[in-house]
Amino acid sequence: MLTLPFLRPIALKHHAMKYSASSPTTNSKTSRFDGLSLDDRNPEFIKLLLPLWEWLYRYYFRVQSDGWHHLPNSGKMLVVGSHNGGLAAPDMFMFLYEWFHRYGTEKLAYGLMHPTVWQVSPEIASMAVQCGALKASPKMAIAALRRNATVLVYPGGAQDVFRPHYLRDRIYFAGRKGFIKLALREEVPIVPIVSHGAHDTLIVLADVYEQLKQLHEWGMPWLFGIDPVVFPVYLGLPWGLGIGPLPNLPLPVQIRTRVCEPIVFEKYGNAAAGDRDYVDACFNLVTTKMQQELDCLIGN
């Protein structure tokens, strides 16, 4: 979970600030929606968003979805997806809508969100937290899983969501394997989700972050003092030509999603998580199966 631009409406923003938050470690109210508490998730706030998400699901993106029978009926799980479509990430929101539509807002589900969101827009971060966003870290993921919750993670992060258009049909996690170690340590199945169409809601021409990073090392400051991690050049609304990780309005392209069969590894535990070769093998297994499912989804 990278960011939540579909939570921008002023009415929702006003409603979001009504709720207080507490830290899971201190039980104090000194920190509001910092992504470090499992108790800030707000089912009533999620219900406010469902009509908007339903309209987008049915009429704007005309979502087709299958494979939901693969989800276990109970127990903790790690749902792993590929990020698509820029900061709007429409396939993520459409998956969340269908999850809440099927299982209700009370069933515990959390998503890991990049810490930069709290720096860039605390208001959006506070609304995301009420939808179940946690600051991405092993500590918070483990806490959620040990509460027997579902945890949603997009390992590729910003590099995935802004990958060039020619990679739109590829599973791209930028080599990040922390989610594998998490699943092995906490002994949970991985449920992959794939989608097609969302990365056509903008056209990413290139990522020039490495060039900008070199200029930064020569003395050019980052805007607002924040390392953007990526610096895409893309075609899309509302800018026409977008330069940098700017929010985008997704084009009304049909999105198809698929929930894949859970992946259960042969070995679990700390020893398995500490075995680099085994972690690599598990990572290759997950990405290979996801690519096969995505190829099948595209072919159909």
Protein backbone atom coordinates (compact mmCIF):
# COMPACT_ATOMS: atom_id res chain seq x y z
CA MET A 1 0.00 0.00 0.00
CA LEU A 2 1.74 3.12 -1.23
CA THR A 3 -0.68 6.02 -0.89
CA LEU A 4 -4.38 6.76 -0.97
CA PRO A 5 -5.34 9.54 -3.41
CA PHE A 6 -8.94 8.27 -3.59
CA LEU A 7 -9.34 9.50 0.01
CA ARG A 8 -9.03 13.17 -0.90
CA PRO A 9 -12.66 14.40 -0.81
CA ILE A 10 -13.07 17.25 1.69
CA ALA A 11 -16.10 15.70 3.38
CA LEU A 12 -14.15 12.56 4.13
CA LYS A 13 -11.18 14.58 5.32
CA HIS A 14 -13.40 16.44 7.78
CA HIS A 15 -14.94 13.20 9.02
CA ALA A 16 -11.56 11.51 9.34
CA MET A 17 -10.24 14.03 11.83
CA LYS A 18 -13.06 13.29 14.27
CA TYR A 19 -11.53 10.07 15.54
CA SER A 20 -8.86 9.82 18.19
CA ALA A 21 -6.00 7.35 18.06
CA SER A 22 -3.85 5.54 20.57
CA SER A 23 -0.48 3.86 20.39
CA PRO A 24 -0.47 0.08 20.90
CA THR A 25 2.53 0.34 23.17
CA THR A 26 1.66 3.36 25.32
CA ASN A 27 -2.15 3.57 25.10
CA SER A 28 -1.68 7.34 25.02
CA LYS A 29 -3.42 9.80 22.72
CA THR A 30 -0.32 11.87 22.04
CA SER A 31 0.17 10.40 18.54
CA ARG A 32 -2.63 10.52 15.98
CA PHE A 33 -2.77 8.00 13.19
CA ASP A 34 0.98 7.46 12.99
CA GLY A 35 0.61 3.95 11.53
CA LEU A 36 2.06 2.35 14.64
CA SER A 37 -1.20 1.19 16.21
CA LEU A 38 -3.47 -1.71 15.30
CA ASP A 39 -6.35 0.04 17.02
CA ASP A 40 -6.75 3.03 14.69
CA ARG A 41 -8.51 1.03 12.00
CA ASN A 42 -12.06 2.40 11.79
CA PRO A 43 -14.81 0.24 10.21
CA GLU A 44 -17.27 3.16 10.21
CA PHE A 45 -14.89 5.34 8.22
CA ILE A 46 -14.36 2.52 5.72
CA LYS A 47 -18.15 2.33 5.23
CA LEU A 48 -18.12 6.00 4.19
CA LEU A 49 -15.80 5.19 1.30
CA LEU A 50 -17.63 2.16 -0.03
CA PRO A 51 -20.22 4.05 -2.18
CA LEU A 52 -17.42 5.92 -4.00
CA TRP A 53 -15.36 2.77 -4.44
CA GLU A 54 -18.44 0.85 -5.63
CA TRP A 55 -19.11 3.43 -8.35
CA LEU A 56 -15.48 3.25 -9.49
CA TYR A 57 -15.59 -0.55 -9.37
CA ARG A 58 -18.80 -0.94 -11.38
CA TYR A 59 -18.81 1.98 -13.80
CA TYR A 60 -15.40 3.60 -14.12
CA PHE A 61 -13.01 0.62 -14.10
CA ARG A 62 -15.69 -2.02 -14.86
CA VAL A 63 -13.78 -4.53 -12.77
CA GLN A 64 -13.84 -8.24 -13.51
CA SER A 65 -12.59 -10.39 -10.64
CA ASP A 66 -12.18 -14.10 -9.95
CA GLY A 67 -10.44 -16.58 -7.69
CA TRP A 68 -11.93 -15.44 -4.39
CA HIS A 69 -12.69 -19.06 -3.50
CA HIS A 70 -8.95 -19.49 -2.97
CA LEU A 71 -8.95 -17.32 0.14
CA PRO A 72 -8.86 -19.34 3.38
CA ASN A 73 -12.05 -19.01 5.41
CA SER A 74 -10.18 -18.13 8.58
CA GLY A 75 -6.75 -17.57 10.02
CA LYS A 76 -3.95 -15.14 9.32
CA MET A 77 -2.47 -14.77 5.85
CA LEU A 78 -0.15 -12.56 3.85
CA VAL A 79 -1.78 -11.23 0.68
CA VAL A 80 0.91 -10.22 -1.82
CA GLY A 81 0.19 -8.08 -4.87
CA SER A 82 1.94 -6.16 -7.61
CA HIS A 83 1.49 -2.37 -7.61
CA ASN A 84 0.08 -0.69 -10.72
CA GLY A 85 -1.08 2.66 -12.02
CA GLY A 86 0.97 5.34 -10.28
CA LEU A 87 -0.01 6.91 -6.98
CA ALA A 88 -3.68 6.31 -7.77
CA ALA A 89 -3.00 2.53 -7.58
CA PRO A 90 -6.55 1.77 -8.74
CA ASP A 91 -6.28 -2.02 -8.67
CA MET A 92 -5.37 -1.88 -4.98
CA PHE A 93 -8.47 0.15 -4.15
CA MET A 94 -10.68 -2.08 -6.24
CA PHE A 95 -9.31 -5.14 -4.41
CA LEU A 96 -10.03 -3.42 -1.08
CA TYR A 97 -13.56 -2.60 -2.17
CA GLU A 98 -14.31 -6.19 -3.09
CA TRP A 99 -12.71 -7.45 0.13
CA PHE A 100 -14.95 -5.22 2.26
CA HIS A 101 -17.98 -5.98 0.08
CA ARG A 102 -17.49 -9.72 0.59
CA TYR A 103 -16.31 -9.88 4.19
CA GLY A 104 -17.54 -6.66 5.78
CA THR A 105 -15.51 -3.90 7.38
CA GLU A 106 -15.16 -5.61 10.76
CA LYS A 107 -12.95 -8.48 9.58
CA LEU A 108 -9.41 -7.54 10.49
CA ALA A 109 -7.30 -6.60 7.49
CA TYR A 110 -4.30 -4.28 7.37
CA GLY A 111 -2.02 -2.97 4.62
CA LEU A 112 1.61 -1.88 4.83
CA MET A 113 2.18 1.69 3.58
CA HIS A 114 5.44 3.48 2.79
CA PRO A 115 6.54 5.82 5.63
CA THR A 116 7.04 8.68 3.14
CA VAL A 117 3.26 9.15 2.96
CA TRP A 118 3.28 10.50 6.53
CA GLN A 119 5.92 13.05 5.51
CA VAL A 120 4.22 14.16 2.31
CA SER A 121 0.61 14.28 3.52
CA PRO A 122 -0.26 13.53 7.15
CA GLU A 123 -3.94 14.10 6.34
CA ILE A 124 -4.04 11.40 3.67
CA ALA A 125 -1.99 9.16 5.97
CA SER A 126 -4.52 9.61 8.78
CA MET A 127 -7.37 8.54 6.49
CA ALA A 128 -5.35 5.60 5.20
CA VAL A 129 -4.68 4.48 8.77
CA GLN A 130 -8.43 4.40 9.45
CA CYS A 131 -8.75 2.09 6.45
CA GLY A 132 -6.16 -0.25 7.98
CA ALA A 133 -2.82 1.16 6.80
CA LEU A 134 0.22 0.50 8.96
CA LYS A 135 3.64 2.05 8.62
CA ALA A 136 5.60 -0.54 6.65
CA SER A 137 7.94 -2.39 8.98
CA PRO A 138 8.44 -5.99 10.10
CA LYS A 139 7.32 -5.02 13.61
CA MET A 140 3.90 -3.80 12.51
CA ALA A 141 3.36 -6.66 10.06
CA ILE A 142 4.19 -9.20 12.76
CA ALA A 143 1.87 -7.48 15.25
CA ALA A 144 -1.01 -7.63 12.78
CA LEU A 145 -0.42 -11.28 11.89
CA ARG A 146 -0.25 -12.22 15.56
CA ARG A 147 -3.67 -10.66 15.94
CA ASN A 148 -4.80 -13.28 13.40
CA ALA A 149 -5.38 -10.63 10.75
CA THR A 150 -4.89 -10.55 7.01
CA VAL A 151 -1.96 -8.35 5.95
CA LEU A 152 -1.78 -6.86 2.44
CA VAL A 153 1.66 -6.02 1.07
CA TYR A 154 2.99 -4.74 -2.25
CA PRO A 155 6.70 -5.58 -2.08
CA GLY A 156 7.68 -3.64 -5.22
CA GLY A 157 6.55 -0.35 -3.71
CA ALA A 158 7.23 2.86 -5.62
CA GLN A 159 9.54 1.16 -8.13
CA ASP A 160 6.72 -1.22 -9.02
CA VAL A 161 3.89 1.30 -9.17
CA PHE A 162 5.95 3.54 -11.48
CA ARG A 163 7.69 0.83 -13.50
CA PRO A 164 7.99 1.69 -17.21
CA HIS A 165 5.05 0.88 -19.46
CA TYR A 166 6.96 -1.83 -21.31
CA LEU A 167 7.09 -3.74 -17.99
CA ARG A 168 3.34 -3.39 -17.37
CA ASP A 169 2.76 -7.13 -17.83
CA ARG A 170 5.65 -8.19 -15.60
CA ILE A 171 5.74 -9.00 -11.89
CA TYR A 172 8.38 -6.62 -10.58
CA PHE A 173 9.29 -6.59 -6.89
CA ALA A 174 12.64 -4.81 -7.30
CA GLY A 175 14.36 -7.77 -5.64
CA ARG A 176 12.65 -7.20 -2.28
CA LYS A 177 12.34 -10.42 -0.30
CA GLY A 178 11.37 -9.22 3.15
CA PHE A 179 7.82 -10.48 2.69
CA ILE A 180 9.18 -14.01 2.21
CA LYS A 181 11.12 -13.84 5.47
CA LEU A 182 8.02 -12.49 7.20
CA ALA A 183 5.87 -15.38 5.95
CA LEU A 184 8.49 -17.93 6.97
CA ARG A 185 9.01 -16.51 10.46
CA GLU A 186 5.31 -16.14 11.18
CA GLU A 187 4.38 -19.44 9.45
CA VAL A 188 1.62 -17.97 7.28
CA PRO A 189 0.53 -18.82 3.72
CA ILE A 190 1.05 -16.30 0.94
CA VAL A 191 -2.03 -15.50 -1.15
CA PRO A 192 -0.93 -13.80 -4.39
CA ILE A 193 -3.18 -11.34 -6.23
CA VAL A 194 -2.54 -10.18 -9.79
CA SER A 195 -4.26 -7.63 -11.98
CA HIS A 196 -4.24 -6.39 -15.55
CA GLY A 197 -5.28 -3.02 -16.93
CA ALA A 198 -4.40 -0.75 -14.03
CA HIS A 199 -0.94 0.01 -15.40
CA ASP A 200 -2.59 1.34 -18.56
CA THR A 201 -4.36 4.07 -16.56
CA LEU A 202 -1.18 6.11 -17.13
CA ILE A 203 1.79 5.55 -19.44
CA VAL A 204 5.14 5.57 -17.62
CA LEU A 205 7.82 6.48 -20.14
CA ALA A 206 10.87 6.25 -17.89
CA ASP A 207 12.20 6.55 -14.36
CA VAL A 208 15.05 9.08 -14.15
CA TYR A 209 15.63 8.72 -10.41
CA GLU A 210 19.23 7.55 -10.77
CA GLN A 211 20.10 10.68 -12.75
CA LEU A 212 18.40 12.90 -10.15
CA LYS A 213 20.14 10.99 -7.36
CA GLN A 214 23.50 11.81 -8.95
CA LEU A 215 22.59 15.50 -9.06
CA HIS A 216 21.55 15.27 -5.40
CA GLU A 217 24.92 13.80 -4.51
CA TRP A 218 26.52 16.78 -6.26
CA GLY A 219 24.57 19.16 -4.05
CA MET A 220 21.06 19.58 -5.48
CA PRO A 221 18.54 19.35 -2.61
CA TRP A 222 15.47 17.15 -2.76
CA LEU A 223 12.18 19.03 -2.96
CA PHE A 224 10.81 19.47 0.60
CA GLY A 225 13.89 17.56 1.78
CA ILE A 226 12.25 14.20 0.94
CA ASP A 227 13.96 11.52 -1.13
CA PRO A 228 11.28 10.61 -3.72
CA VAL A 229 12.68 7.07 -4.24
CA VAL A 230 11.46 7.21 -7.86
CA PHE A 231 11.23 10.02 -10.41
CA PRO A 232 8.98 8.91 -13.27
CA VAL A 233 8.14 10.68 -16.49
CA TYR A 234 4.63 9.69 -17.54
CA LEU A 235 1.71 10.53 -19.76
CA GLY A 236 -1.56 10.82 -17.89
CA LEU A 237 -4.22 13.00 -16.34
CA PRO A 238 -4.36 15.74 -15.24
CA TRP A 239 -0.89 16.88 -16.30
CA GLY A 240 -0.59 15.50 -19.81
CA LEU A 241 3.12 15.02 -19.21
CA GLY A 242 3.84 14.26 -15.56
CA ILE A 243 7.38 14.73 -14.29
CA GLY A 244 8.13 13.23 -10.89
CA PRO A 245 5.96 11.12 -8.55
CA LEU A 246 2.94 13.40 -8.91
CA PRO A 247 -0.59 12.21 -8.08
CA ASN A 248 -2.50 11.15 -11.17
CA LEU A 249 -6.12 10.71 -12.19
CA PRO A 250 -6.37 7.22 -13.69
CA LEU A 251 -7.80 6.76 -17.16
CA PRO A 252 -11.04 4.68 -17.27
CA VAL A 253 -9.38 1.45 -18.36
CA GLN A 254 -11.04 -1.86 -17.48
CA ILE A 255 -9.28 -3.70 -14.65
CA ARG A 256 -9.23 -7.46 -14.21
CA THR A 257 -8.03 -9.01 -10.96
CA ARG A 258 -7.39 -12.55 -9.82
CA VAL A 259 -6.92 -14.04 -6.37
CA CYS A 260 -4.51 -16.95 -6.75
CA GLU A 261 -4.18 -20.21 -4.91
CA PRO A 262 -2.36 -19.88 -1.55
CA ILE A 263 1.32 -20.79 -1.54
CA VAL A 264 2.50 -22.91 1.39
CA PHE A 265 6.24 -23.49 1.72
CA GLU A 266 7.87 -26.75 2.71
CA LYS A 267 9.74 -25.27 5.69
CA TYR A 268 8.94 -22.48 8.13
CA GLY A 269 10.55 -20.90 11.17
CA ASN A 270 13.51 -18.66 11.96
CA ALA A 271 16.02 -21.10 10.52
CA ALA A 272 14.21 -21.15 7.19
CA ALA A 273 13.94 -17.35 7.17
CA GLY A 274 17.69 -17.11 7.81
CA ASP A 275 18.62 -19.45 4.97
CA ARG A 276 19.43 -17.14 2.06
CA ASP A 277 19.23 -19.85 -0.58
CA TYR A 278 15.87 -21.04 0.71
CA VAL A 279 14.52 -17.48 0.83
CA ASP A 280 15.66 -16.98 -2.77
CA ALA A 281 13.96 -20.22 -3.81
CA CYS A 282 10.70 -19.19 -2.11
CA PHE A 283 10.88 -15.75 -3.72
CA ASN A 284 11.38 -17.30 -7.15
CA LEU A 285 8.47 -19.67 -6.53
CA VAL A 286 6.10 -16.82 -5.63
CA THR A 287 7.11 -14.50 -8.48
CA THR A 288 7.06 -17.34 -11.02
CA LYS A 289 3.57 -18.44 -9.99
CA MET A 290 2.32 -14.84 -10.02
CA GLN A 291 3.78 -14.29 -13.50
CA GLN A 292 2.11 -17.47 -14.74
CA GLU A 293 -1.24 -16.35 -13.33
CA LEU A 294 -0.82 -12.87 -14.82
CA ASP A 295 0.05 -14.33 -18.24
CA CYS A 296 -3.05 -16.52 -18.03
CA LEU A 297 -5.22 -13.54 -17.02
CA ILE A 298 -3.91 -11.50 -19.96
CA GLY A 299 -4.40 -14.43 -22.33
CA ASN A 300 -8.01 -14.77 -21.33
